């Protein structure tokens, strides 16, 4: 669910950027990624070509993704260690 909302927010922000309307703050988009929507955020960034040139944003989004992968790796490692 959070991924669907995140992708939709990126698409809405992209459309608003084209029409020069009020935009969704970057902090909000990054918060959505941080609470679990980072796969959709990365997908939207690629598919919609949105926020690709803004390096501070792209860098922060990548860090969020790496943090989630690290946490996921910890869960996998813990599951392997407790299963053995």
Protein backbone atom coordinates (compact mmCIF):
# COMPACT_ATOMS: atom_id res chain seq x y z
CA UNK A 1 0.00 0.00 0.00
CA UNK A 2 2.75 2.44 0.95
CA UNK A 3 4.47 1.75 -2.38
CA UNK A 4 1.31 2.56 -4.35
CA UNK A 5 0.88 5.82 -2.45
CA UNK A 6 4.55 6.72 -2.94
CA UNK A 7 4.49 6.07 -6.69
CA UNK A 8 1.29 8.07 -7.03
CA UNK A 9 2.83 10.97 -5.10
CA UNK A 10 5.86 10.99 -7.40
CA UNK A 11 3.59 10.93 -10.47
CA UNK A 12 1.46 13.75 -9.07
CA UNK A 13 4.56 15.82 -8.29
CA UNK A 14 5.92 15.22 -11.80
CA UNK A 15 2.63 16.37 -13.34
CA UNK A 16 2.56 19.43 -11.12
CA UNK A 17 6.13 20.26 -12.10
CA UNK A 18 5.08 20.27 -15.75
CA UNK A 19 2.13 22.59 -15.12
CA UNK A 20 3.99 24.76 -12.61
CA UNK A 21 1.48 24.06 -9.86
CA UNK A 22 2.07 23.62 -6.12
CA UNK A 23 4.54 20.76 -5.62
CA UNK A 24 4.82 18.03 -3.05
CA UNK A 25 7.78 18.93 -0.80
CA UNK A 26 10.89 16.79 -1.25
CA UNK A 27 10.85 16.12 2.48
CA UNK A 28 7.43 14.49 2.09
CA UNK A 29 8.56 12.34 -0.84
CA UNK A 30 11.66 11.22 1.08
CA UNK A 31 9.60 10.49 4.19
CA UNK A 32 7.35 8.24 2.10
CA UNK A 33 10.45 6.41 0.89
CA UNK A 34 11.78 6.14 4.43
CA UNK A 35 8.63 4.51 5.82
CA UNK A 36 8.80 1.72 3.25
CA UNK A 37 8.02 3.22 -0.13
CA UNK A 38 11.61 3.33 -1.38
CA UNK A 39 11.14 0.62 -4.06
CA UNK A 40 8.28 2.62 -5.59
CA UNK A 41 10.24 5.85 -5.20
CA UNK A 42 13.20 4.41 -7.12
CA UNK A 43 10.88 2.94 -9.75
CA UNK A 44 9.05 6.25 -10.16
CA UNK A 45 12.35 8.10 -10.37
CA UNK A 46 13.41 5.86 -13.27
CA UNK A 47 10.10 5.38 -15.08
CA UNK A 48 8.87 8.95 -14.76
CA UNK A 49 12.37 10.48 -15.02
CA UNK A 50 11.56 12.53 -11.96
CA UNK A 51 14.08 13.97 -9.51
CA UNK A 52 16.98 12.39 -11.41
CA UNK A 53 19.08 15.54 -11.76
CA UNK A 54 18.62 16.75 -8.19
CA UNK A 55 21.68 15.12 -6.65
CA UNK A 56 20.98 15.80 -2.98
CA UNK A 57 17.54 14.22 -3.42
CA UNK A 58 18.82 11.27 -5.47
CA UNK A 59 21.68 10.67 -3.02
CA UNK A 60 19.34 10.71 -0.03
CA UNK A 61 16.93 8.35 -1.78
CA UNK A 62 19.82 5.96 -2.49
CA UNK A 63 20.92 6.10 1.15
CA UNK A 64 17.37 5.29 2.27
CA UNK A 65 17.31 2.31 -0.11
CA UNK A 66 20.67 1.06 1.15
CA UNK A 67 19.49 1.37 4.75
CA UNK A 68 16.40 -0.70 3.97
CA UNK A 69 18.52 -3.34 2.21
CA UNK A 70 20.87 -3.44 5.21
CA UNK A 71 17.95 -3.96 7.61
CA UNK A 72 16.51 -6.64 5.32
CA UNK A 73 19.92 -8.33 5.27
CA UNK A 74 20.02 -8.31 9.07
CA UNK A 75 16.63 -10.03 9.20
CA UNK A 76 17.76 -12.66 6.69
CA UNK A 77 21.00 -13.26 8.60
CA UNK A 78 19.11 -13.58 11.88
CA UNK A 79 16.67 -16.04 10.31
CA UNK A 80 19.53 -18.14 8.95
CA UNK A 81 21.40 -18.13 12.27
CA UNK A 82 18.35 -19.08 14.31
CA UNK A 83 17.28 -21.79 11.85
CA UNK A 84 20.68 -23.51 12.04
